[in-house]
Amino acid sequence: MKLLQMSKRVLLFFLVNLLVIATITIILKLLGLDQRFRPGQYETLAIFCLVLGMGGAFISLAISRWVAKRSMGVRVIDPNTNDPAARELVEEVHALARRAQLPKMPEVGVYESPEVNAFATGPGKSRSLVAVSTGLLHRMDRSETRGVLAHEVAHIANGDMVTMTLIQGIVNAFAMFLARVLAFVVSQALRSRDDNRGGSHMIHWVLVMIFEFVLMFLGMLVINWFSRHREFRADAGGRILAGKPEMIGALQALQRLYGQPELADPRGAALQTLKISGKSGGLMALFSTHPPLEARIAALQRLP
């Protein structure tokens, strides 16, 4: 499904966040707490949703490294490894991290995939992970790989995961608040004089779940817009860390390789890492987490 061919970093975060919010909603229902907040108590409901929405986003952030490792099968490399190629990869990432003045060196990992890609994740600059696919290591030269790694380290240095978490938290709060207001309005409209109270509560709860999912899905349009903007920033940061020719060369290499059928991840689109080339137009462009490669290259070329 093309809609799921988006940044692994953002997609994993969104799916885990959605699961966390769904779990919170179910717990509130089981404890009977959800029924205490109805339209007419807008200020209390808004605060309640803001706290839980932000809480859900930060829980997702806290476990982002663990989720990425488990879902992608990332093998974290021991910095003291005797494997020359693995040691070189770790030293490259750590050199870039020192140049970016990160307070602690990121974990460096490799995962099996023919797709030419990499991603960075983690709850903060001191607890981050940079993971690289075997496809990238096999198909890109050292200079091109350095450009990709610099882009990922720049994401960490820019605090992109925390920024995206704050945005996701606001989307969560809005979705939880509006879902409860809409569920109340619709359930009251559907309610007949013969409806029992328990049935009405169940309808209300089901509607809350449906509206939350729909609103959070639509909220991805906002999140992905911010993601595309921050990709340009990460490219600019990568240019400072690795050099402008290396950064442009990495994107041009990705442009050459992108879309080759032999590079498709056999595990399916839902498990693919960051789709480095976004859509250049149409509806799908709104759901893309990355700008088109040609736009990113042009933006870099305009920089001094």
C-alpha atoms as a PDB file:
ATOM      1  CA  MET A   1       0.000   0.000   0.000  1.00  0.00           C
ATOM      2  CA  LYS A   2       1.642   3.209  -1.166  1.00  0.00           C
ATOM      3  CA  LEU A   3       0.194   5.218   1.697  1.00  0.00           C
ATOM      4  CA  LEU A   4       2.359   3.242   4.101  1.00  0.00           C
ATOM      5  CA  GLN A   5       5.554   3.887   2.131  1.00  0.00           C
ATOM      6  CA  MET A   6       6.675   6.666   4.411  1.00  0.00           C
ATOM      7  CA  SER A   7       9.448   7.395   6.876  1.00  0.00           C
ATOM      8  CA  LYS A   8      10.060   4.461   9.166  1.00  0.00           C
ATOM      9  CA  ARG A   9      11.011   6.899  11.884  1.00  0.00           C
ATOM     10  CA  VAL A  10       7.690   8.733  11.630  1.00  0.00           C
ATOM     11  CA  LEU A  11       5.559   5.695  10.764  1.00  0.00           C
ATOM     12  CA  LEU A  12       6.760   3.638  13.720  1.00  0.00           C
ATOM     13  CA  PHE A  13       6.256   6.587  16.037  1.00  0.00           C
ATOM     14  CA  PHE A  14       2.728   7.179  14.725  1.00  0.00           C
ATOM     15  CA  LEU A  15       1.685   3.515  14.997  1.00  0.00           C
ATOM     16  CA  VAL A  16       3.071   3.124  18.521  1.00  0.00           C
ATOM     17  CA  ASN A  17       1.479   6.428  19.522  1.00  0.00           C
ATOM     18  CA  LEU A  18      -1.860   5.289  18.073  1.00  0.00           C
ATOM     19  CA  LEU A  19      -1.623   2.068  20.075  1.00  0.00           C
ATOM     20  CA  VAL A  20      -0.784   3.988  23.257  1.00  0.00           C
ATOM     21  CA  ILE A  21      -3.720   6.378  22.796  1.00  0.00           C
ATOM     22  CA  ALA A  22      -6.085   3.467  22.045  1.00  0.00           C
ATOM     23  CA  THR A  23      -4.882   1.720  25.207  1.00  0.00           C
ATOM     24  CA  ILE A  24      -5.420   4.886  27.266  1.00  0.00           C
ATOM     25  CA  THR A  25      -8.943   5.229  25.845  1.00  0.00           C
ATOM     26  CA  ILE A  26      -9.785   1.621  26.722  1.00  0.00           C
ATOM     27  CA  ILE A  27      -8.413   1.987  30.261  1.00  0.00           C
ATOM     28  CA  LEU A  28     -10.432   5.173  30.777  1.00  0.00           C
ATOM     29  CA  LYS A  29     -13.540   3.324  29.640  1.00  0.00           C
ATOM     30  CA  LEU A  30     -12.896   0.341  31.919  1.00  0.00           C
ATOM     31  CA  LEU A  31     -12.319   2.628  34.913  1.00  0.00           C
ATOM     32  CA  GLY A  32     -15.373   4.701  34.076  1.00  0.00           C
ATOM     33  CA  LEU A  33     -13.323   7.895  33.999  1.00  0.00           C
ATOM     34  CA  ASP A  34     -14.199   8.817  30.441  1.00  0.00           C
ATOM     35  CA  GLN A  35     -17.831   9.448  31.362  1.00  0.00           C
ATOM     36  CA  ARG A  36     -16.853  12.250  33.750  1.00  0.00           C
ATOM     37  CA  PHE A  37     -15.824  14.533  30.912  1.00  0.00           C
ATOM     38  CA  ARG A  38     -18.609  15.662  28.617  1.00  0.00           C
ATOM     39  CA  PRO A  39     -19.326  18.766  26.526  1.00  0.00           C
ATOM     40  CA  GLY A  40     -20.194  21.567  28.903  1.00  0.00           C
ATOM     41  CA  GLN A  41     -16.948  20.927  30.784  1.00  0.00           C
ATOM     42  CA  TYR A  42     -14.760  22.068  27.913  1.00  0.00           C
ATOM     43  CA  GLU A  43     -11.929  23.566  29.979  1.00  0.00           C
ATOM     44  CA  THR A  44     -11.564  20.445  32.134  1.00  0.00           C
ATOM     45  CA  LEU A  45     -11.887  18.153  29.134  1.00  0.00           C
ATOM     46  CA  ALA A  46      -9.290  20.148  27.190  1.00  0.00           C
ATOM     47  CA  ILE A  47      -6.750  19.938  30.034  1.00  0.00           C
ATOM     48  CA  PHE A  48      -7.511  16.253  30.507  1.00  0.00           C
ATOM     49  CA  CYS A  49      -6.919  15.531  26.794  1.00  0.00           C
ATOM     50  CA  LEU A  50      -3.787  17.690  26.645  1.00  0.00           C
ATOM     51  CA  VAL A  51      -2.177  15.838  29.551  1.00  0.00           C
ATOM     52  CA  LEU A  52      -3.062  12.405  28.191  1.00  0.00           C
ATOM     53  CA  GLY A  53      -2.238  13.355  24.585  1.00  0.00           C
ATOM     54  CA  MET A  54       1.200  14.645  25.508  1.00  0.00           C
ATOM     55  CA  GLY A  55       1.716  11.683  27.822  1.00  0.00           C
ATOM     56  CA  GLY A  56       0.924   9.236  25.041  1.00  0.00           C
ATOM     57  CA  ALA A  57       3.328  10.972  22.649  1.00  0.00           C
ATOM     58  CA  PHE A  58       6.188  10.970  25.147  1.00  0.00           C
ATOM     59  CA  ILE A  59       5.613   7.316  26.034  1.00  0.00           C
ATOM     60  CA  SER A  60       5.925   6.567  22.320  1.00  0.00           C
ATOM     61  CA  LEU A  61       9.125   8.594  22.184  1.00  0.00           C
ATOM     62  CA  ALA A  62      10.598   6.858  25.232  1.00  0.00           C
ATOM     63  CA  ILE A  63      10.299   3.417  23.643  1.00  0.00           C
ATOM     64  CA  SER A  64      11.123   4.484  20.068  1.00  0.00           C
ATOM     65  CA  ARG A  65      14.604   2.909  20.030  1.00  0.00           C
ATOM     66  CA  TRP A  66      13.310  -0.382  21.395  1.00  0.00           C
ATOM     67  CA  VAL A  67      10.464  -0.479  18.876  1.00  0.00           C
ATOM     68  CA  ALA A  68      12.805   0.300  15.968  1.00  0.00           C
ATOM     69  CA  LYS A  69      15.233  -2.430  16.988  1.00  0.00           C
ATOM     70  CA  ARG A  70      12.546  -5.060  17.406  1.00  0.00           C
ATOM     71  CA  SER A  71      10.511  -4.208  14.316  1.00  0.00           C
ATOM     72  CA  MET A  72      13.479  -3.864  11.955  1.00  0.00           C
ATOM     73  CA  GLY A  73      15.763  -6.465  13.481  1.00  0.00           C
ATOM     74  CA  VAL A  74      18.509  -3.894  14.023  1.00  0.00           C
ATOM     75  CA  ARG A  75      21.782  -5.402  15.206  1.00  0.00           C
ATOM     76  CA  VAL A  76      23.579  -2.831  17.366  1.00  0.00           C
ATOM     77  CA  ILE A  77      27.321  -2.803  16.686  1.00  0.00           C
ATOM     78  CA  ASP A  78      29.723  -3.012  19.622  1.00  0.00           C
ATOM     79  CA  PRO A  79      32.104  -0.006  19.276  1.00  0.00           C
ATOM     80  CA  ASN A  80      34.963  -2.387  20.147  1.00  0.00           C
ATOM     81  CA  THR A  81      34.113  -4.894  17.419  1.00  0.00           C
ATOM     82  CA  ASN A  82      36.914  -6.620  15.543  1.00  0.00           C
ATOM     83  CA  ASP A  83      35.008  -6.395  12.249  1.00  0.00           C
ATOM     84  CA  PRO A  84      36.846  -3.687  10.238  1.00  0.00           C
ATOM     85  CA  ALA A  85      33.772  -2.677   8.190  1.00  0.00           C
ATOM     86  CA  ALA A  86      31.526  -2.455  11.250  1.00  0.00           C
ATOM     87  CA  ARG A  87      34.153  -0.535  13.201  1.00  0.00           C
ATOM     88  CA  GLU A  88      34.557   1.911  10.308  1.00  0.00           C
ATOM     89  CA  LEU A  89      30.793   2.523  10.262  1.00  0.00           C
ATOM     90  CA  VAL A  90      30.711   3.210  14.009  1.00  0.00           C
ATOM     91  CA  GLU A  91      33.725   5.517  13.813  1.00  0.00           C
ATOM     92  CA  GLU A  92      32.146   7.432  10.932  1.00  0.00           C
ATOM     93  CA  VAL A  93      28.896   8.010  12.846  1.00  0.00           C
ATOM     94  CA  HIS A  94      30.746   8.949  16.022  1.00  0.00           C
ATOM     95  CA  ALA A  95      33.005  11.394  14.153  1.00  0.00           C
ATOM     96  CA  LEU A  96      29.923  13.111  12.752  1.00  0.00           C
ATOM     97  CA  ALA A  97      28.286  13.076  16.201  1.00  0.00           C
ATOM     98  CA  ARG A  98      31.330  14.754  17.749  1.00  0.00           C
ATOM     99  CA  ARG A  99      31.281  17.379  15.020  1.00  0.00           C
ATOM    100  CA  ALA A 100      27.586  17.949  15.776  1.00  0.00           C
ATOM    101  CA  GLN A 101      28.536  18.239  19.480  1.00  0.00           C
ATOM    102  CA  LEU A 102      26.136  15.549  20.640  1.00  0.00           C
ATOM    103  CA  PRO A 103      26.427  14.986  24.409  1.00  0.00           C
ATOM    104  CA  LYS A 104      26.641  11.195  23.948  1.00  0.00           C
ATOM    105  CA  MET A 105      27.554   9.001  21.003  1.00  0.00           C
ATOM    106  CA  PRO A 106      24.576   7.364  19.284  1.00  0.00           C
ATOM    107  CA  GLU A 107      24.168   3.625  19.083  1.00  0.00           C
ATOM    108  CA  VAL A 108      24.993   2.391  15.584  1.00  0.00           C
ATOM    109  CA  GLY A 109      23.200  -0.578  14.062  1.00  0.00           C
ATOM    110  CA  VAL A 110      22.709  -2.506  10.848  1.00  0.00           C
ATOM    111  CA  TYR A 111      19.559  -4.258   9.643  1.00  0.00           C
ATOM    112  CA  GLU A 112      19.054  -6.697   6.798  1.00  0.00           C
ATOM    113  CA  SER A 113      17.212  -5.109   3.875  1.00  0.00           C
ATOM    114  CA  PRO A 114      17.945  -4.703   0.154  1.00  0.00           C
ATOM    115  CA  GLU A 115      16.515  -1.187   0.358  1.00  0.00           C
ATOM    116  CA  VAL A 116      19.102   1.609   0.282  1.00  0.00           C
ATOM    117  CA  ASN A 117      18.253   3.506   3.424  1.00  0.00           C
ATOM    118  CA  ALA A 118      19.004   4.561   6.983  1.00  0.00           C
ATOM    119  CA  PHE A 119      17.128   6.121   9.874  1.00  0.00           C
ATOM    120  CA  ALA A 120      17.742   7.808  13.206  1.00  0.00           C
ATOM    121  CA  THR A 121      15.515   7.562  16.245  1.00  0.00           C
ATOM    122  CA  GLY A 122      15.583   7.819  20.027  1.00  0.00           C
ATOM    123  CA  PRO A 123      14.146   9.920  22.852  1.00  0.00           C
ATOM    124  CA  GLY A 124      16.913  12.516  22.835  1.00  0.00           C
ATOM    125  CA  LYS A 125      20.429  13.552  21.890  1.00  0.00           C
ATOM    126  CA  SER A 126      21.887  11.385  24.648  1.00  0.00           C
ATOM    127  CA  ARG A 127      19.852   8.275  23.795  1.00  0.00           C
ATOM    128  CA  SER A 128      19.774   7.932  20.039  1.00  0.00           C
ATOM    129  CA  LEU A 129      20.209   5.255  17.397  1.00  0.00           C
ATOM    130  CA  VAL A 130      21.466   5.460  13.813  1.00  0.00           C
ATOM    131  CA  ALA A 131      20.601   2.350  11.795  1.00  0.00           C
ATOM    132  CA  VAL A 132      21.765   1.543   8.273  1.00  0.00           C
ATOM    133  CA  SER A 133      20.447  -1.070   5.848  1.00  0.00           C
ATOM    134  CA  THR A 134      22.739  -3.677   4.337  1.00  0.00           C
ATOM    135  CA  GLY A 135      21.459  -2.515   0.955  1.00  0.00           C
ATOM    136  CA  LEU A 136      22.923   0.950   1.555  1.00  0.00           C
ATOM    137  CA  LEU A 137      26.277  -0.455   2.683  1.00  0.00           C
ATOM    138  CA  HIS A 138      26.501  -2.644  -0.418  1.00  0.00           C
ATOM    139  CA  ARG A 139      25.417  -0.072  -3.009  1.00  0.00           C
ATOM    140  CA  MET A 140      26.830   3.269  -1.898  1.00  0.00           C
ATOM    141  CA  ASP A 141      30.457   4.313  -1.718  1.00  0.00           C
ATOM    142  CA  ARG A 142      32.063   5.788   1.365  1.00  0.00           C
ATOM    143  CA  SER A 143      31.466   9.420   0.403  1.00  0.00           C
ATOM    144  CA  GLU A 144      27.784   8.809  -0.372  1.00  0.00           C
ATOM    145  CA  THR A 145      27.322   6.815   2.833  1.00  0.00           C
ATOM    146  CA  ARG A 146      28.912   9.642   4.795  1.00  0.00           C
ATOM    147  CA  GLY A 147      26.351  12.068   3.374  1.00  0.00           C
ATOM    148  CA  VAL A 148      23.450   9.815   4.425  1.00  0.00           C
ATOM    149  CA  LEU A 149      24.899   9.347   7.906  1.00  0.00           C
ATOM    150  CA  ALA A 150      25.450  13.103   8.272  1.00  0.00           C
ATOM    151  CA  HIS A 151      21.788  13.677   7.422  1.00  0.00           C
ATOM    152  CA  GLU A 152      20.711  11.229  10.149  1.00  0.00           C
ATOM    153  CA  VAL A 153      23.075  12.705  12.746  1.00  0.00           C
ATOM    154  CA  ALA A 154      21.711  16.147  11.855  1.00  0.00           C
ATOM    155  CA  HIS A 155      18.218  14.872  12.692  1.00  0.00           C
ATOM    156  CA  ILE A 156      19.482  13.989  16.166  1.00  0.00           C
ATOM    157  CA  ALA A 157      21.376  17.270  16.597  1.00  0.00           C
ATOM    158  CA  ASN A 158      18.292  19.253  15.519  1.00  0.00           C
ATOM    159  CA  GLY A 159      16.155  17.476  18.127  1.00  0.00           C
ATOM    160  CA  ASP A 160      13.709  16.361  15.466  1.00  0.00           C
ATOM    161  CA  MET A 161      12.238  13.449  17.417  1.00  0.00           C
ATOM    162  CA  VAL A 162      11.402  15.692  20.383  1.00  0.00           C
ATOM    163  CA  THR A 163       9.946  18.328  18.062  1.00  0.00           C
ATOM    164  CA  MET A 164       7.822  15.742  16.268  1.00  0.00           C
ATOM    165  CA  THR A 165       6.740  14.379  19.666  1.00  0.00           C
ATOM    166  CA  LEU A 166       5.462  17.795  20.742  1.00  0.00           C
ATOM    167  CA  ILE A 167       3.548  18.131  17.478  1.00  0.00           C
ATOM    168  CA  GLN A 168       2.169  14.602  17.860  1.00  0.00           C
ATOM    169  CA  GLY A 169       1.120  15.432  21.426  1.00  0.00           C
ATOM    170  CA  ILE A 170      -0.870  18.440  20.231  1.00  0.00           C
ATOM    171  CA  VAL A 171      -2.500  16.313  17.518  1.00  0.00           C
ATOM    172  CA  ASN A 172      -3.311  13.671  20.153  1.00  0.00           C
ATOM    173  CA  ALA A 173      -4.904  16.233  22.450  1.00  0.00           C
ATOM    174  CA  PHE A 174      -6.953  17.751  19.628  1.00  0.00           C
ATOM    175  CA  ALA A 175      -8.067  14.304  18.417  1.00  0.00           C
ATOM    176  CA  MET A 176      -9.032  13.120  21.918  1.00  0.00           C
ATOM    177  CA  PHE A 177     -10.912  16.339  22.696  1.00  0.00           C
ATOM    178  CA  LEU A 178     -12.804  16.633  19.399  1.00  0.00           C
ATOM    179  CA  ALA A 179     -13.514  12.873  19.289  1.00  0.00           C
ATOM    180  CA  ARG A 180     -15.326  13.080  22.631  1.00  0.00           C
ATOM    181  CA  VAL A 181     -17.297  16.157  21.625  1.00  0.00           C
ATOM    182  CA  LEU A 182     -18.349  14.596  18.294  1.00  0.00           C
ATOM    183  CA  ALA A 183     -19.117  11.249  19.939  1.00  0.00           C
ATOM    184  CA  PHE A 184     -21.365  12.957  22.474  1.00  0.00           C
ATOM    185  CA  VAL A 185     -23.232  14.889  19.770  1.00  0.00           C
ATOM    186  CA  VAL A 186     -23.689  11.844  17.511  1.00  0.00           C
ATOM    187  CA  SER A 187     -24.625   9.447  20.329  1.00  0.00           C
ATOM    188  CA  GLN A 188     -27.243  11.889  21.583  1.00  0.00           C
ATOM    189  CA  ALA A 189     -28.647  12.232  18.076  1.00  0.00           C
ATOM    190  CA  LEU A 190     -28.860   8.434  17.705  1.00  0.00           C
ATOM    191  CA  ARG A 191     -30.277   7.868  21.129  1.00  0.00           C
ATOM    192  CA  SER A 192     -33.967   7.013  21.346  1.00  0.00           C
ATOM    193  CA  ARG A 193     -36.259   7.072  24.375  1.00  0.00           C
ATOM    194  CA  ASP A 194     -36.096   3.305  24.574  1.00  0.00           C
ATOM    195  CA  ASP A 195     -32.308   3.116  24.629  1.00  0.00           C
ATOM    196  CA  ASN A 196     -30.866   1.879  27.897  1.00  0.00           C
ATOM    197  CA  ARG A 197     -28.100   3.828  29.562  1.00  0.00           C
ATOM    198  CA  GLY A 198     -25.515   1.064  29.160  1.00  0.00           C
ATOM    199  CA  GLY A 199     -26.165   0.810  25.439  1.00  0.00           C
ATOM    200  CA  SER A 200     -25.835   4.560  25.064  1.00  0.00           C
ATOM    201  CA  HIS A 201     -22.498   4.487  26.890  1.00  0.00           C
ATOM    202  CA  MET A 202     -21.239   1.700  24.633  1.00  0.00           C
ATOM    203  CA  ILE A 203     -22.237   3.608  21.476  1.00  0.00           C
ATOM    204  CA  HIS A 204     -20.491   6.690  22.832  1.00  0.00           C
ATOM    205  CA  TRP A 205     -17.301   4.727  23.558  1.00  0.00           C
ATOM    206  CA  VAL A 206     -17.224   3.091  20.102  1.00  0.00           C
ATOM    207  CA  LEU A 207     -17.736   6.483  18.466  1.00  0.00           C
ATOM    208  CA  VAL A 208     -14.884   7.946  20.525  1.00  0.00           C
ATOM    209  CA  MET A 209     -12.550   5.204  19.255  1.00  0.00           C
ATOM    210  CA  ILE A 210     -13.640   5.709  15.631  1.00  0.00           C
ATOM    211  CA  PHE A 211     -13.355   9.501  15.751  1.00  0.00           C
ATOM    212  CA  GLU A 212      -9.958   9.323  17.481  1.00  0.00           C
ATOM    213  CA  PHE A 213      -8.560   7.070  14.746  1.00  0.00           C
ATOM    214  CA  VAL A 214      -9.941   9.214  11.918  1.00  0.00           C
ATOM    215  CA  LEU A 215      -8.782  12.497  13.468  1.00  0.00           C
ATOM    216  CA  MET A 216      -5.316  11.154  14.271  1.00  0.00           C
ATOM    217  CA  PHE A 217      -5.008   9.839  10.729  1.00  0.00           C
ATOM    218  CA  LEU A 218      -5.923  13.268   9.370  1.00  0.00           C
ATOM    219  CA  GLY A 219      -3.517  14.773  11.879  1.00  0.00           C
ATOM    220  CA  MET A 220      -0.742  12.974  10.021  1.00  0.00           C
ATOM    221  CA  LEU A 221      -1.147  15.575   7.273  1.00  0.00           C
ATOM    222  CA  VAL A 222       0.062  18.197   9.737  1.00  0.00           C
ATOM    223  CA  ILE A 223       2.798  15.961  11.141  1.00  0.00           C
ATOM    224  CA  ASN A 224       4.065  15.041   7.680  1.00  0.00           C
ATOM    225  CA  TRP A 225       4.170  18.698   6.634  1.00  0.00           C
ATOM    226  CA  PHE A 226       6.491  19.410   9.555  1.00  0.00           C
ATOM    227  CA  SER A 227       8.492  16.282   8.713  1.00  0.00           C
ATOM    228  CA  ARG A 228       9.080  17.481   5.143  1.00  0.00           C
ATOM    229  CA  HIS A 229      10.207  20.876   6.417  1.00  0.00           C
ATOM    230  CA  ARG A 230      12.675  19.274   8.836  1.00  0.00           C
ATOM    231  CA  GLU A 231      14.123  17.070   6.080  1.00  0.00           C
ATOM    232  CA  PHE A 232      15.414  20.227   4.401  1.00  0.00           C
ATOM    233  CA  ARG A 233      16.953  21.277   7.734  1.00  0.00           C
ATOM    234  CA  ALA A 234      18.606  17.890   8.158  1.00  0.00           C
ATOM    235  CA  ASP A 235      20.043  18.138   4.641  1.00  0.00           C
ATOM    236  CA  ALA A 236      21.454  21.564   5.479  1.00  0.00           C
ATOM    237  CA  GLY A 237      22.882  20.190   8.720  1.00  0.00           C
ATOM    238  CA  GLY A 238      24.378  17.231   6.873  1.00  0.00           C
ATOM    239  CA  ARG A 239      26.068  19.665   4.514  1.00  0.00           C
ATOM    240  CA  ILE A 240      27.825  21.289   7.481  1.00  0.00           C
ATOM    241  CA  LEU A 241      28.823  17.963   9.043  1.00  0.00           C
ATOM    242  CA  ALA A 242      29.978  16.066   5.949  1.00  0.00           C
ATOM    243  CA  GLY A 243      30.361  18.711   3.260  1.00  0.00           C
ATOM    244  CA  LYS A 244      28.132  20.019   0.495  1.00  0.00           C
ATOM    245  CA  PRO A 245      29.512  17.724  -2.276  1.00  0.00           C
ATOM    246  CA  GLU A 246      29.032  14.645  -0.060  1.00  0.00           C
ATOM    247  CA  MET A 247      25.469  15.603   0.836  1.00  0.00           C
ATOM    248  CA  ILE A 248      24.485  16.328  -2.759  1.00  0.00           C
ATOM    249  CA  GLY A 249      26.292  13.191  -3.921  1.00  0.00           C
ATOM    250  CA  ALA A 250      24.349  11.078  -1.424  1.00  0.00           C
ATOM    251  CA  LEU A 251      21.011  12.445  -2.626  1.00  0.00           C
ATOM    252  CA  GLN A 252      21.993  11.995  -6.276  1.00  0.00           C
ATOM    253  CA  ALA A 253      22.988   8.391  -5.548  1.00  0.00           C
ATOM    254  CA  LEU A 254      19.628   7.805  -3.886  1.00  0.00           C
ATOM    255  CA  GLN A 255      17.956   9.378  -6.896  1.00  0.00           C
ATOM    256  CA  ARG A 256      19.703   6.899  -9.187  1.00  0.00           C
ATOM    257  CA  LEU A 257      18.863   3.912  -7.007  1.00  0.00           C
ATOM    258  CA  TYR A 258      15.364   4.859  -5.864  1.00  0.00           C
ATOM    259  CA  GLY A 259      12.573   2.772  -7.330  1.00  0.00           C
ATOM    260  CA  GLN A 260      14.644  -0.112  -8.613  1.00  0.00           C
ATOM    261  CA  PRO A 261      12.462  -3.226  -8.158  1.00  0.00           C
ATOM    262  CA  GLU A 262      15.345  -5.348  -6.854  1.00  0.00           C
ATOM    263  CA  LEU A 263      15.683  -2.939  -3.914  1.00  0.00           C
ATOM    264  CA  ALA A 264      12.150  -3.508  -2.620  1.00  0.00           C
ATOM    265  CA  ASP A 265      11.973  -4.731   0.946  1.00  0.00           C
ATOM    266  CA  PRO A 266      10.467  -8.255   0.897  1.00  0.00           C
ATOM    267  CA  ARG A 267       8.802  -7.630   4.251  1.00  0.00           C
ATOM    268  CA  GLY A 268       6.386  -5.215   2.605  1.00  0.00           C
ATOM    269  CA  ALA A 269       5.739  -1.502   2.494  1.00  0.00           C
ATOM    270  CA  ALA A 270       4.598  -1.286   6.108  1.00  0.00           C
ATOM    271  CA  LEU A 271       8.072  -2.291   7.298  1.00  0.00           C
ATOM    272  CA  GLN A 272      10.105  -0.172   4.913  1.00  0.00           C
ATOM    273  CA  THR A 273      12.376   2.519   6.329  1.00  0.00           C
ATOM    274  CA  LEU A 274      12.287   6.151   5.382  1.00  0.00           C
ATOM    275  CA  LYS A 275      11.154   6.474   1.797  1.00  0.00           C
ATOM    276  CA  ILE A 276      13.739   9.050   0.906  1.00  0.00           C
ATOM    277  CA  SER A 277      11.934  10.351  -2.166  1.00  0.00           C
ATOM    278  CA  GLY A 278       8.608  11.990  -1.493  1.00  0.00           C
ATOM    279  CA  LYS A 279       5.812  12.478  -3.991  1.00  0.00           C
ATOM    280  CA  SER A 280       6.145  15.566  -6.153  1.00  0.00           C
ATOM    281  CA  GLY A 281       2.431  16.196  -6.569  1.00  0.00           C
ATOM    282  CA  GLY A 282      -1.103  14.971  -6.088  1.00  0.00           C
ATOM    283  CA  LEU A 283      -2.870  13.733  -2.981  1.00  0.00           C
ATOM    284  CA  MET A 284      -0.080  11.347  -2.015  1.00  0.00           C
ATOM    285  CA  ALA A 285       2.307  14.300  -1.662  1.00  0.00           C
ATOM    286  CA  LEU A 286       0.302  15.354   1.414  1.00  0.00           C
ATOM    287  CA  PHE A 287       1.049  12.023   3.087  1.00  0.00           C
ATOM    288  CA  SER A 288       4.745  12.005   2.204  1.00  0.00           C
ATOM    289  CA  THR A 289       7.211  12.566   5.041  1.00  0.00           C
ATOM    290  CA  HIS A 290       9.996  13.527   2.628  1.00  0.00           C
ATOM    291  CA  PRO A 291      10.175  16.152  -0.128  1.00  0.00           C
ATOM    292  CA  PRO A 292      11.054  14.959  -3.646  1.00  0.00           C
ATOM    293  CA  LEU A 293      14.773  14.287  -4.068  1.00  0.00           C
ATOM    294  CA  GLU A 294      15.049  16.842  -6.863  1.00  0.00           C
ATOM    295  CA  ALA A 295      13.677  19.534  -4.529  1.00  0.00           C
ATOM    296  CA  ARG A 296      16.159  18.592  -1.812  1.00  0.00           C
ATOM    297  CA  ILE A 297      19.093  18.635  -4.223  1.00  0.00           C
ATOM    298  CA  ALA A 298      18.025  22.012  -5.598  1.00  0.00           C
ATOM    299  CA  ALA A 299      17.735  23.423  -2.066  1.00  0.00           C
ATOM    300  CA  LEU A 300      21.265  22.255  -1.245  1.00  0.00           C
ATOM    301  CA  GLN A 301      22.663  23.686  -4.447  1.00  0.00           C
ATOM    302  CA  ARG A 302      21.292  27.111  -3.535  1.00  0.00           C
ATOM    303  CA  LEU A 303      23.193  27.072  -0.232  1.00  0.00           C
ATOM    304  CA  PRO A 304      26.705  28.576  -0.118  1.00  0.00           C
END
